[in-house]
C-alpha atoms as a PDB file:
ATOM      1  CA  UNK A   1     147.193  88.839  89.204  1.00  0.00           C
ATOM      2  CA  UNK A   2     146.600  92.320  87.795  1.00  0.00           C
ATOM      3  CA  UNK A   3     149.016  93.764  85.229  1.00  0.00           C
ATOM      4  CA  UNK A   4     150.923  97.008  85.936  1.00  0.00           C
ATOM      5  CA  UNK A   5     148.447  99.118  83.970  1.00  0.00           C
ATOM      6  CA  UNK A   6     145.933  98.560  86.775  1.00  0.00           C
ATOM      7  CA  UNK A   7     148.049 100.762  89.038  1.00  0.00           C
ATOM      8  CA  UNK A   8     148.230 103.798  86.753  1.00  0.00           C
ATOM      9  CA  UNK A   9     144.788 105.369  86.506  1.00  0.00           C
ATOM     10  CA  UNK A  10     143.288 108.135  84.363  1.00  0.00           C
ATOM     11  CA  UNK A  11     140.132 110.221  84.683  1.00  0.00           C
ATOM     12  CA  UNK A  12     137.215 109.103  82.529  1.00  0.00           C
ATOM     13  CA  UNK A  13     134.655 111.351  80.844  1.00  0.00           C
ATOM     14  CA  UNK A  14     132.255 110.643  83.723  1.00  0.00           C
ATOM     15  CA  UNK A  15     134.699 112.054  86.255  1.00  0.00           C
ATOM     16  CA  UNK A  16     135.568 108.653  87.719  1.00  0.00           C
ATOM     17  CA  UNK A  17     139.005 107.066  87.814  1.00  0.00           C
ATOM     18  CA  UNK A  18     139.846 104.169  85.463  1.00  0.00           C
ATOM     19  CA  UNK A  19     142.987 102.124  84.655  1.00  0.00           C
ATOM     20  CA  UNK A  20     145.118 103.647  81.891  1.00  0.00           C
ATOM     21  CA  UNK A  21     144.577 100.647  79.614  1.00  0.00           C
ATOM     22  CA  UNK A  22     140.841 101.369  79.655  1.00  0.00           C
ATOM     23  CA  UNK A  23     140.953 103.697  76.639  1.00  0.00           C
ATOM     24  CA  UNK A  24     142.965 101.284  74.508  1.00  0.00           C
ATOM     25  CA  UNK A  25     140.859  98.220  75.232  1.00  0.00           C
ATOM     26  CA  UNK A  26     137.455  99.804  75.757  1.00  0.00           C
ATOM     27  CA  UNK A  27     135.701  98.775  72.547  1.00  0.00           C
ATOM     28  CA  UNK A  28     137.162  95.275  72.466  1.00  0.00           C
ATOM     29  CA  UNK A  29     136.387  94.561  76.117  1.00  0.00           C
ATOM     30  CA  UNK A  30     132.855  95.948  75.781  1.00  0.00           C
ATOM     31  CA  UNK A  31     132.236  93.707  72.764  1.00  0.00           C
ATOM     32  CA  UNK A  32     133.564  90.689  74.682  1.00  0.00           C
ATOM     33  CA  UNK A  33     131.316  91.400  77.669  1.00  0.00           C
ATOM     34  CA  UNK A  34     128.249  91.929  75.504  1.00  0.00           C
ATOM     35  CA  UNK A  35     128.964  88.735  73.557  1.00  0.00           C
ATOM     36  CA  UNK A  36     129.253  86.686  76.765  1.00  0.00           C
ATOM     37  CA  UNK A  37     127.602  88.614  79.655  1.00  0.00           C
ATOM     38  CA  UNK A  38     127.738  85.604  81.987  1.00  0.00           C
ATOM     39  CA  UNK A  39     131.537  85.342  81.734  1.00  0.00           C
ATOM     40  CA  UNK A  40     133.380  86.387  84.885  1.00  0.00           C
ATOM     41  CA  UNK A  41     135.710  89.368  84.983  1.00  0.00           C
ATOM     42  CA  UNK A  42     138.696  87.023  85.271  1.00  0.00           C
ATOM     43  CA  UNK A  43     137.638  85.052  82.193  1.00  0.00           C
ATOM     44  CA  UNK A  44     137.185  88.233  80.131  1.00  0.00           C
ATOM     45  CA  UNK A  45     140.533  89.582  81.361  1.00  0.00           C
ATOM     46  CA  UNK A  46     142.351  86.394  80.342  1.00  0.00           C
ATOM     47  CA  UNK A  47     140.532  86.268  77.012  1.00  0.00           C
ATOM     48  CA  UNK A  48     141.403  89.900  76.183  1.00  0.00           C
ATOM     49  CA  UNK A  49     144.888  89.770  77.743  1.00  0.00           C
ATOM     50  CA  UNK A  50     143.928  92.685  79.932  1.00  0.00           C
ATOM     51  CA  UNK A  51     143.804  93.414  83.647  1.00  0.00           C
ATOM     52  CA  UNK A  52     140.842  92.368  85.733  1.00  0.00           C
ATOM     53  CA  UNK A  53     140.542  95.955  87.026  1.00  0.00           C
ATOM     54  CA  UNK A  54     140.115  97.141  83.452  1.00  0.00           C
ATOM     55  CA  UNK A  55     137.331  94.655  82.804  1.00  0.00           C
ATOM     56  CA  UNK A  56     135.582  95.660  86.047  1.00  0.00           C
ATOM     57  CA  UNK A  57     135.799  99.324  85.054  1.00  0.00           C
ATOM     58  CA  UNK A  58     134.284  98.667  81.629  1.00  0.00           C
ATOM     59  CA  UNK A  59     131.550  96.465  83.078  1.00  0.00           C
ATOM     60  CA  UNK A  60     130.746  99.087  85.721  1.00  0.00           C
ATOM     61  CA  UNK A  61     130.338 101.784  83.069  1.00  0.00           C
ATOM     62  CA  UNK A  62     128.205  99.492  80.892  1.00  0.00           C
ATOM     63  CA  UNK A  63     125.915  98.709  83.824  1.00  0.00           C
ATOM     64  CA  UNK A  64     125.455 102.392  84.668  1.00  0.00           C
ATOM     65  CA  UNK A  65     124.737 103.327  81.063  1.00  0.00           C
ATOM     66  CA  UNK A  66     122.239 100.471  80.716  1.00  0.00           C
ATOM     67  CA  UNK A  67     120.232 101.509  83.787  1.00  0.00           C
ATOM     68  CA  UNK A  68     120.341 105.200  82.816  1.00  0.00           C
ATOM     69  CA  UNK A  69     119.013 104.345  79.355  1.00  0.00           C
ATOM     70  CA  UNK A  70     116.127 102.239  80.669  1.00  0.00           C
ATOM     71  CA  UNK A  71     115.169 103.928  83.945  1.00  0.00           C
ATOM     72  CA  UNK A  72     112.659 106.536  82.768  1.00  0.00           C
ATOM     73  CA  UNK A  73     111.020 104.342  80.112  1.00  0.00           C
ATOM     74  CA  UNK A  74     110.559 101.440  82.541  1.00  0.00           C
ATOM     75  CA  UNK A  75     109.110 103.675  85.278  1.00  0.00           C
ATOM     76  CA  UNK A  76     106.602 105.157  82.815  1.00  0.00           C
ATOM     77  CA  UNK A  77     105.671 101.712  81.497  1.00  0.00           C
ATOM     78  CA  UNK A  78     105.118 100.442  85.046  1.00  0.00           C
ATOM     79  CA  UNK A  79     102.839 103.346  85.931  1.00  0.00           C
ATOM     80  CA  UNK A  80     100.776 102.773  82.779  1.00  0.00           C
ATOM     81  CA  UNK A  81     100.350  98.998  83.251  1.00  0.00           C
ATOM     82  CA  UNK A  82      96.813  97.723  83.828  1.00  0.00           C
ATOM     83  CA  UNK A  83      97.570  93.988  83.760  1.00  0.00           C
ATOM     84  CA  UNK A  84      99.389  92.172  86.536  1.00  0.00           C
ATOM     85  CA  UNK A  85     101.245  89.824  84.189  1.00  0.00           C
ATOM     86  CA  UNK A  86     102.597  92.785  82.207  1.00  0.00           C
ATOM     87  CA  UNK A  87     103.922  94.606  85.261  1.00  0.00           C
ATOM     88  CA  UNK A  88     105.302  91.300  86.574  1.00  0.00           C
ATOM     89  CA  UNK A  89     107.335  91.003  83.361  1.00  0.00           C
ATOM     90  CA  UNK A  90     108.738  94.504  83.900  1.00  0.00           C
ATOM     91  CA  UNK A  91     109.516  93.605  87.505  1.00  0.00           C
ATOM     92  CA  UNK A  92     111.479  90.540  86.382  1.00  0.00           C
ATOM     93  CA  UNK A  93     113.453  92.645  83.889  1.00  0.00           C
ATOM     94  CA  UNK A  94     114.274  95.131  86.640  1.00  0.00           C
ATOM     95  CA  UNK A  95     115.438  92.249  88.836  1.00  0.00           C
ATOM     96  CA  UNK A  96     117.761  91.077  86.045  1.00  0.00           C
ATOM     97  CA  UNK A  97     119.144  94.618  85.826  1.00  0.00           C
ATOM     98  CA  UNK A  98     119.650  94.634  89.574  1.00  0.00           C
ATOM     99  CA  UNK A  99     121.632  91.373  89.460  1.00  0.00           C
ATOM    100  CA  UNK A 100     123.723  92.608  86.520  1.00  0.00           C
ATOM    101  CA  UNK A 101     124.631  95.914  88.220  1.00  0.00           C
ATOM    102  CA  UNK A 102     125.537  94.069  91.428  1.00  0.00           C
ATOM    103  CA  UNK A 103     127.892  91.808  89.492  1.00  0.00           C
ATOM    104  CA  UNK A 104     129.364  94.907  87.863  1.00  0.00           C
ATOM    105  CA  UNK A 105     129.983  96.403  91.326  1.00  0.00           C
ATOM    106  CA  UNK A 106     128.112  99.580  90.366  1.00  0.00           C
ATOM    107  CA  UNK A 107     126.305 100.400  93.611  1.00  0.00           C
ATOM    108  CA  UNK A 108     124.561 103.519  92.283  1.00  0.00           C
ATOM    109  CA  UNK A 109     123.146 101.686  89.275  1.00  0.00           C
ATOM    110  CA  UNK A 110     122.089  98.779  91.488  1.00  0.00           C
ATOM    111  CA  UNK A 111     120.083 101.138  93.704  1.00  0.00           C
ATOM    112  CA  UNK A 112     118.307 102.592  90.673  1.00  0.00           C
ATOM    113  CA  UNK A 113     117.519  99.113  89.358  1.00  0.00           C
ATOM    114  CA  UNK A 114     116.168  98.161  92.788  1.00  0.00           C
ATOM    115  CA  UNK A 115     113.953 101.246  92.738  1.00  0.00           C
ATOM    116  CA  UNK A 116     112.512 100.201  89.356  1.00  0.00           C
ATOM    117  CA  UNK A 117     111.767  96.714  90.730  1.00  0.00           C
ATOM    118  CA  UNK A 118     110.036  98.080  93.843  1.00  0.00           C
ATOM    119  CA  UNK A 119     107.905 100.441  91.741  1.00  0.00           C
ATOM    120  CA  UNK A 120     106.822  97.453  89.666  1.00  0.00           C
ATOM    121  CA  UNK A 121     106.007  95.417  92.775  1.00  0.00           C
ATOM    122  CA  UNK A 122     103.940  98.259  94.215  1.00  0.00           C
ATOM    123  CA  UNK A 123     102.016  98.649  90.950  1.00  0.00           C
ATOM    124  CA  UNK A 124     101.412  94.888  90.809  1.00  0.00           C
ATOM    125  CA  UNK A 125     100.076  95.073  94.364  1.00  0.00           C
ATOM    126  CA  UNK A 126      97.695  97.869  93.390  1.00  0.00           C
ATOM    127  CA  UNK A 127      96.347  95.805  90.497  1.00  0.00           C
ATOM    128  CA  UNK A 128      95.973  92.683  92.662  1.00  0.00           C
ATOM    129  CA  UNK A 129      94.043  94.676  95.258  1.00  0.00           C
ATOM    130  CA  UNK A 130      91.639  95.914  92.582  1.00  0.00           C
ATOM    131  CA  UNK A 131      90.766  92.545  91.133  1.00  0.00           C
ATOM    132  CA  UNK A 132      88.451  90.036  92.781  1.00  0.00           C
ATOM    133  CA  UNK A 133      90.361  87.335  94.623  1.00  0.00           C
ATOM    134  CA  UNK A 134      90.967  84.298  92.436  1.00  0.00           C
ATOM    135  CA  UNK A 135      90.341  81.979  95.392  1.00  0.00           C
ATOM    136  CA  UNK A 136      86.721  83.199  95.486  1.00  0.00           C
ATOM    137  CA  UNK A 137      86.618  84.444  99.059  1.00  0.00           C
ATOM    138  CA  UNK A 138      84.853  87.706  98.322  1.00  0.00           C
ATOM    139  CA  UNK A 139      81.234  88.081  97.249  1.00  0.00           C
ATOM    140  CA  UNK A 140      79.961  90.608  94.775  1.00  0.00           C
ATOM    141  CA  UNK A 141      77.662  93.411  95.949  1.00  0.00           C
ATOM    142  CA  UNK A 142      74.449  93.675  93.921  1.00  0.00           C
ATOM    143  CA  UNK A 143      72.462  96.891  94.174  1.00  0.00           C
ATOM    144  CA  UNK A 144      72.945  99.772  96.612  1.00  0.00           C
ATOM    145  CA  UNK A 145      70.441  98.615  99.232  1.00  0.00           C
ATOM    146  CA  UNK A 146      70.838  99.619 102.876  1.00  0.00           C
ATOM    147  CA  UNK A 147      73.371  98.561 105.474  1.00  0.00           C
ATOM    148  CA  UNK A 148      72.864  94.868 106.174  1.00  0.00           C
ATOM    149  CA  UNK A 149      70.296  94.435 103.434  1.00  0.00           C
ATOM    150  CA  UNK A 150      72.396  94.128 100.277  1.00  0.00           C
ATOM    151  CA  UNK A 151      72.234  91.020  98.124  1.00  0.00           C
ATOM    152  CA  UNK A 152      75.446  89.052  97.691  1.00  0.00           C
ATOM    153  CA  UNK A 153      76.225  86.832  94.710  1.00  0.00           C
ATOM    154  CA  UNK A 154      79.019  84.248  94.398  1.00  0.00           C
ATOM    155  CA  UNK A 155      82.424  85.654  93.355  1.00  0.00           C
ATOM    156  CA  UNK A 156      83.113  86.164  89.680  1.00  0.00           C
ATOM    157  CA  UNK A 157      84.951  83.116  88.334  1.00  0.00           C
ATOM    158  CA  UNK A 158      86.563  84.575  85.217  1.00  0.00           C
ATOM    159  CA  UNK A 159      89.354  86.432  87.002  1.00  0.00           C
ATOM    160  CA  UNK A 160      92.877  85.114  86.247  1.00  0.00           C
ATOM    161  CA  UNK A 161      94.501  83.179  89.066  1.00  0.00           C
ATOM    162  CA  UNK A 162      97.816  84.160  90.595  1.00  0.00           C
ATOM    163  CA  UNK A 163      99.435  81.238  88.761  1.00  0.00           C
ATOM    164  CA  UNK A 164      97.993  82.521  85.461  1.00  0.00           C
ATOM    165  CA  UNK A 165      99.765  85.819  86.107  1.00  0.00           C
ATOM    166  CA  UNK A 166     103.068  84.235  87.138  1.00  0.00           C
ATOM    167  CA  UNK A 167     102.765  85.447  90.734  1.00  0.00           C
ATOM    168  CA  UNK A 168     103.292  83.318  93.844  1.00  0.00           C
ATOM    169  CA  UNK A 169     101.061  83.673  96.915  1.00  0.00           C
ATOM    170  CA  UNK A 170     103.983  85.091  98.895  1.00  0.00           C
ATOM    171  CA  UNK A 171     104.693  87.680  96.207  1.00  0.00           C
ATOM    172  CA  UNK A 172     101.010  88.628  96.018  1.00  0.00           C
ATOM    173  CA  UNK A 173     100.851  89.092  99.786  1.00  0.00           C
ATOM    174  CA  UNK A 174     104.045  91.177  99.928  1.00  0.00           C
ATOM    175  CA  UNK A 175     103.197  93.356  96.950  1.00  0.00           C
ATOM    176  CA  UNK A 176      99.675  94.110  98.171  1.00  0.00           C
ATOM    177  CA  UNK A 177     101.110  95.209 101.512  1.00  0.00           C
ATOM    178  CA  UNK A 178     103.567  97.521  99.745  1.00  0.00           C
ATOM    179  CA  UNK A 179     100.643  98.944  97.731  1.00  0.00           C
ATOM    180  CA  UNK A 180      98.940 100.093 100.957  1.00  0.00           C
ATOM    181  CA  UNK A 181     101.760 102.580 101.570  1.00  0.00           C
ATOM    182  CA  UNK A 182     100.899 106.145 100.666  1.00  0.00           C
ATOM    183  CA  UNK A 183     102.723 107.774  97.766  1.00  0.00           C
ATOM    184  CA  UNK A 184     104.585 109.981 100.240  1.00  0.00           C
ATOM    185  CA  UNK A 185     105.677 107.034 102.407  1.00  0.00           C
ATOM    186  CA  UNK A 186     106.835 105.013  99.403  1.00  0.00           C
ATOM    187  CA  UNK A 187     108.823 107.818  97.773  1.00  0.00           C
ATOM    188  CA  UNK A 188     110.464 108.760 101.072  1.00  0.00           C
ATOM    189  CA  UNK A 189     111.489 105.153 101.724  1.00  0.00           C
ATOM    190  CA  UNK A 190     113.077 104.464  98.334  1.00  0.00           C
ATOM    191  CA  UNK A 191     114.961 107.773  98.338  1.00  0.00           C
ATOM    192  CA  UNK A 192     116.157 107.657 101.950  1.00  0.00           C
ATOM    193  CA  UNK A 193     119.989 107.671 101.758  1.00  0.00           C
ATOM    194  CA  UNK A 194     120.183 106.089 105.215  1.00  0.00           C
ATOM    195  CA  UNK A 195     117.999 103.111 104.254  1.00  0.00           C
ATOM    196  CA  UNK A 196     118.885 100.090 102.144  1.00  0.00           C
ATOM    197  CA  UNK A 197     115.546  99.394 100.504  1.00  0.00           C
ATOM    198  CA  UNK A 198     114.264  95.956  99.600  1.00  0.00           C
ATOM    199  CA  UNK A 199     110.959  94.138  99.298  1.00  0.00           C
ATOM    200  CA  UNK A 200     111.351  92.932 102.897  1.00  0.00           C
ATOM    201  CA  UNK A 201     111.976  96.433 104.278  1.00  0.00           C
ATOM    202  CA  UNK A 202     108.979  97.828 102.377  1.00  0.00           C
ATOM    203  CA  UNK A 203     106.727  95.035 103.668  1.00  0.00           C
ATOM    204  CA  UNK A 204     107.929  95.680 107.218  1.00  0.00           C
ATOM    205  CA  UNK A 205     107.126  99.398 106.850  1.00  0.00           C
ATOM    206  CA  UNK A 206     103.645  98.611 105.477  1.00  0.00           C
ATOM    207  CA  UNK A 207     102.887  96.146 108.290  1.00  0.00           C
ATOM    208  CA  UNK A 208     103.948  98.603 110.991  1.00  0.00           C
ATOM    209  CA  UNK A 209     101.771 101.294 109.392  1.00  0.00           C
ATOM    210  CA  UNK A 210      98.738  98.972 109.272  1.00  0.00           C
ATOM    211  CA  UNK A 211      99.222  97.907 112.892  1.00  0.00           C
ATOM    212  CA  UNK A 212      99.400 101.542 113.951  1.00  0.00           C
ATOM    213  CA  UNK A 213      96.151 102.255 112.095  1.00  0.00           C
ATOM    214  CA  UNK A 214      94.366  99.251 113.617  1.00  0.00           C
ATOM    215  CA  UNK A 215      95.213 100.192 117.176  1.00  0.00           C
ATOM    216  CA  UNK A 216      94.560 103.899 116.819  1.00  0.00           C
ATOM    217  CA  UNK A 217      91.905 104.853 119.351  1.00  0.00           C
ATOM    218  CA  UNK A 218      91.077 108.478 118.610  1.00  0.00           C
ATOM    219  CA  UNK A 219      87.440 109.378 119.240  1.00  0.00           C
ATOM    220  CA  UNK A 220      85.207 110.719 116.474  1.00  0.00           C
ATOM    221  CA  UNK A 221      81.564 111.821 116.470  1.00  0.00           C
ATOM    222  CA  UNK A 222      79.036 108.973 116.446  1.00  0.00           C
ATOM    223  CA  UNK A 223      77.523 110.334 113.236  1.00  0.00           C
ATOM    224  CA  UNK A 224      80.782 110.668 111.349  1.00  0.00           C
ATOM    225  CA  UNK A 225      80.719 112.942 108.326  1.00  0.00           C
ATOM    226  CA  UNK A 226      81.986 111.969 104.855  1.00  0.00           C
ATOM    227  CA  UNK A 227      82.726 108.237 104.832  1.00  0.00           C
ATOM    228  CA  UNK A 228      83.914 107.769 101.284  1.00  0.00           C
ATOM    229  CA  UNK A 229      87.297 109.447 101.079  1.00  0.00           C
ATOM    230  CA  UNK A 230      90.617 107.786 100.205  1.00  0.00           C
ATOM    231  CA  UNK A 231      91.750 106.943 103.745  1.00  0.00           C
ATOM    232  CA  UNK A 232      90.822 104.427 106.406  1.00  0.00           C
ATOM    233  CA  UNK A 233      88.201 105.724 108.855  1.00  0.00           C
ATOM    234  CA  UNK A 234      88.150 105.352 112.645  1.00  0.00           C
ATOM    235  CA  UNK A 235      84.481 104.198 112.445  1.00  0.00           C
ATOM    236  CA  UNK A 236      82.263 102.502 109.839  1.00  0.00           C
ATOM    237  CA  UNK A 237      78.472 102.172 109.494  1.00  0.00           C
ATOM    238  CA  UNK A 238      76.905  98.804 110.362  1.00  0.00           C
ATOM    239  CA  UNK A 239      73.367  97.522 110.885  1.00  0.00           C
ATOM    240  CA  UNK A 240      72.965  96.158 114.421  1.00  0.00           C
ATOM    241  CA  UNK A 241      69.731  95.581 116.314  1.00  0.00           C
ATOM    242  CA  UNK A 242      67.688  97.056 113.431  1.00  0.00           C
ATOM    243  CA  UNK A 243      69.532 100.368 113.522  1.00  0.00           C
ATOM    244  CA  UNK A 244      72.591 101.853 111.853  1.00  0.00           C
ATOM    245  CA  UNK A 245      75.562 102.585 114.082  1.00  0.00           C
ATOM    246  CA  UNK A 246      79.086 103.872 113.467  1.00  0.00           C
ATOM    247  CA  UNK A 247      81.409 101.296 115.037  1.00  0.00           C
ATOM    248  CA  UNK A 248      85.159 101.575 115.655  1.00  0.00           C
ATOM    249  CA  UNK A 249      87.104  99.941 112.855  1.00  0.00           C
ATOM    250  CA  UNK A 250      88.976  97.649 115.267  1.00  0.00           C
ATOM    251  CA  UNK A 251      85.629  96.183 116.420  1.00  0.00           C
ATOM    252  CA  UNK A 252      84.091  95.419 113.015  1.00  0.00           C
ATOM    253  CA  UNK A 253      83.237  91.796 112.269  1.00  0.00           C
ATOM    254  CA  UNK A 254      84.722  90.155 109.205  1.00  0.00           C
ATOM    255  CA  UNK A 255      81.377  90.373 107.367  1.00  0.00           C
ATOM    256  CA  UNK A 256      80.992  94.065 108.254  1.00  0.00           C
ATOM    257  CA  UNK A 257      84.462  94.819 106.944  1.00  0.00           C
ATOM    258  CA  UNK A 258      83.798  92.982 103.686  1.00  0.00           C
ATOM    259  CA  UNK A 259      80.434  94.688 103.233  1.00  0.00           C
ATOM    260  CA  UNK A 260      81.897  98.182 103.746  1.00  0.00           C
ATOM    261  CA  UNK A 261      84.770  97.383 101.377  1.00  0.00           C
ATOM    262  CA  UNK A 262      82.291  96.226  98.710  1.00  0.00           C
ATOM    263  CA  UNK A 263      80.119  99.304  99.243  1.00  0.00           C
ATOM    264  CA  UNK A 264      83.143 101.551  98.872  1.00  0.00           C
ATOM    265  CA  UNK A 265      84.131  99.911  95.583  1.00  0.00           C
ATOM    266  CA  UNK A 266      80.586 100.452  94.305  1.00  0.00           C
ATOM    267  CA  UNK A 267      81.014 104.206  94.691  1.00  0.00           C
ATOM    268  CA  UNK A 268      83.314 104.311  91.667  1.00  0.00           C
ATOM    269  CA  UNK A 269      86.960 104.244  90.642  1.00  0.00           C
ATOM    270  CA  UNK A 270      87.729 107.363  92.683  1.00  0.00           C
ATOM    271  CA  UNK A 271      86.837 105.382  95.823  1.00  0.00           C
ATOM    272  CA  UNK A 272      88.799 102.216  95.010  1.00  0.00           C
ATOM    273  CA  UNK A 273      91.821 103.199  97.107  1.00  0.00           C
ATOM    274  CA  UNK A 274      89.719 103.259 100.283  1.00  0.00           C
ATOM    275  CA  UNK A 275      88.163  99.834  99.767  1.00  0.00           C
ATOM    276  CA  UNK A 276      91.527  98.346  98.813  1.00  0.00           C
ATOM    277  CA  UNK A 277      93.138  99.708 101.958  1.00  0.00           C
ATOM    278  CA  UNK A 278      90.380  98.227 104.136  1.00  0.00           C
ATOM    279  CA  UNK A 279      90.675  94.853 102.396  1.00  0.00           C
ATOM    280  CA  UNK A 280      94.459  94.840 102.716  1.00  0.00           C
ATOM    281  CA  UNK A 281      94.237  95.624 106.408  1.00  0.00           C
ATOM    282  CA  UNK A 282      91.638  92.868 106.855  1.00  0.00           C
ATOM    283  CA  UNK A 283      93.845  90.326 105.081  1.00  0.00           C
ATOM    284  CA  UNK A 284      96.713  91.305 107.367  1.00  0.00           C
ATOM    285  CA  UNK A 285      94.489  90.875 110.430  1.00  0.00           C
ATOM    286  CA  UNK A 286      93.410  87.421 109.231  1.00  0.00           C
ATOM    287  CA  UNK A 287      97.073  86.412 108.986  1.00  0.00           C
ATOM    288  CA  UNK A 288      97.589  87.693 112.541  1.00  0.00           C
ATOM    289  CA  UNK A 289      94.605  85.639 113.862  1.00  0.00           C
ATOM    290  CA  UNK A 290      92.776  88.843 114.800  1.00  0.00           C
ATOM    291  CA  UNK A 291      89.304  87.274 114.427  1.00  0.00           C
ATOM    292  CA  UNK A 292      87.780  84.313 116.237  1.00  0.00           C
ATOM    293  CA  UNK A 293      86.025  81.425 114.472  1.00  0.00           C
ATOM    294  CA  UNK A 294      82.859  83.531 114.108  1.00  0.00           C
ATOM    295  CA  UNK A 295      84.761  86.374 112.450  1.00  0.00           C
ATOM    296  CA  UNK A 296      84.535  88.620 115.520  1.00  0.00           C
ATOM    297  CA  UNK A 297      87.672  90.470 116.699  1.00  0.00           C
ATOM    298  CA  UNK A 298      89.051  88.890 119.863  1.00  0.00           C
ATOM    299  CA  UNK A 299      89.244  92.323 121.494  1.00  0.00           C
ATOM    300  CA  UNK A 300      85.496  92.763 120.892  1.00  0.00           C
ATOM    301  CA  UNK A 301      84.403  89.377 122.274  1.00  0.00           C
ATOM    302  CA  UNK A 302      82.637  91.034 125.180  1.00  0.00           C
ATOM    303  CA  UNK A 303      81.441  94.100 123.268  1.00  0.00           C
ATOM    304  CA  UNK A 304      78.321  94.435 121.166  1.00  0.00           C
ATOM    305  CA  UNK A 305      78.648  97.852 119.581  1.00  0.00           C
ATOM    306  CA  UNK A 306      82.091  99.220 120.414  1.00  0.00           C
ATOM    307  CA  UNK A 307      80.524 102.623 120.885  1.00  0.00           C
END
């Protein structure tokens, strides 16, 4: 049961209201919490002979200060990471912050900690999309060649596996989907005051965006202009019947998708985003059983060119 001092409240330096005993016990309670962070508010209150409300107030302030102190540095570190295991470590630290702020009942700090975690997951997804798949499902393009005539070598075997990087297959799948969101979509989602963001909500947004792109049917000229920009294209070049055609993306075979993705990556780092987006969409389509046993889209079973 709370002591009487929990009823009388005073304004803190942050403008929020705290129990009057807060000032008197602040340093001692903070030290007790820091010495035993897993202890419950009731245990700390009994140990310090204070009210539970006072302990909650101190813990709430500590949680907010901790997130404020780490937010900018962690976001910068995440953006600068070029190894999946490193960004995974930052993600796990953000998750620990998120749990701590939730226990402290500091909703604002919890949201900021969640934002840090989602930024880390998106960055991890970007890095996973850039590396060759550890399972060895993707060949390596050798030489520029012409459409349909490039040489393919077995996948590179020295890439770290997901297990090496401390990432589960489910996490890898979710994070790569989140990475397909545009910068504008991602920033809008995490800052939307009407939305409670989570990994699941971000994955759902990414999947709906990819489905919308797959089923888009706008017409474009047969000889489409610049192919190698940073966005998915309505049509892609393929070699069919000894001639090059621009075929609707929804009608590409699995091999044609993989070839175009490899060709895009060959064009340099500035083109990586395009190839990654095409690969991510293809992986999503595979999960949705979009292709038949021969790797041909079911919707194109009766079509030869899709023109």
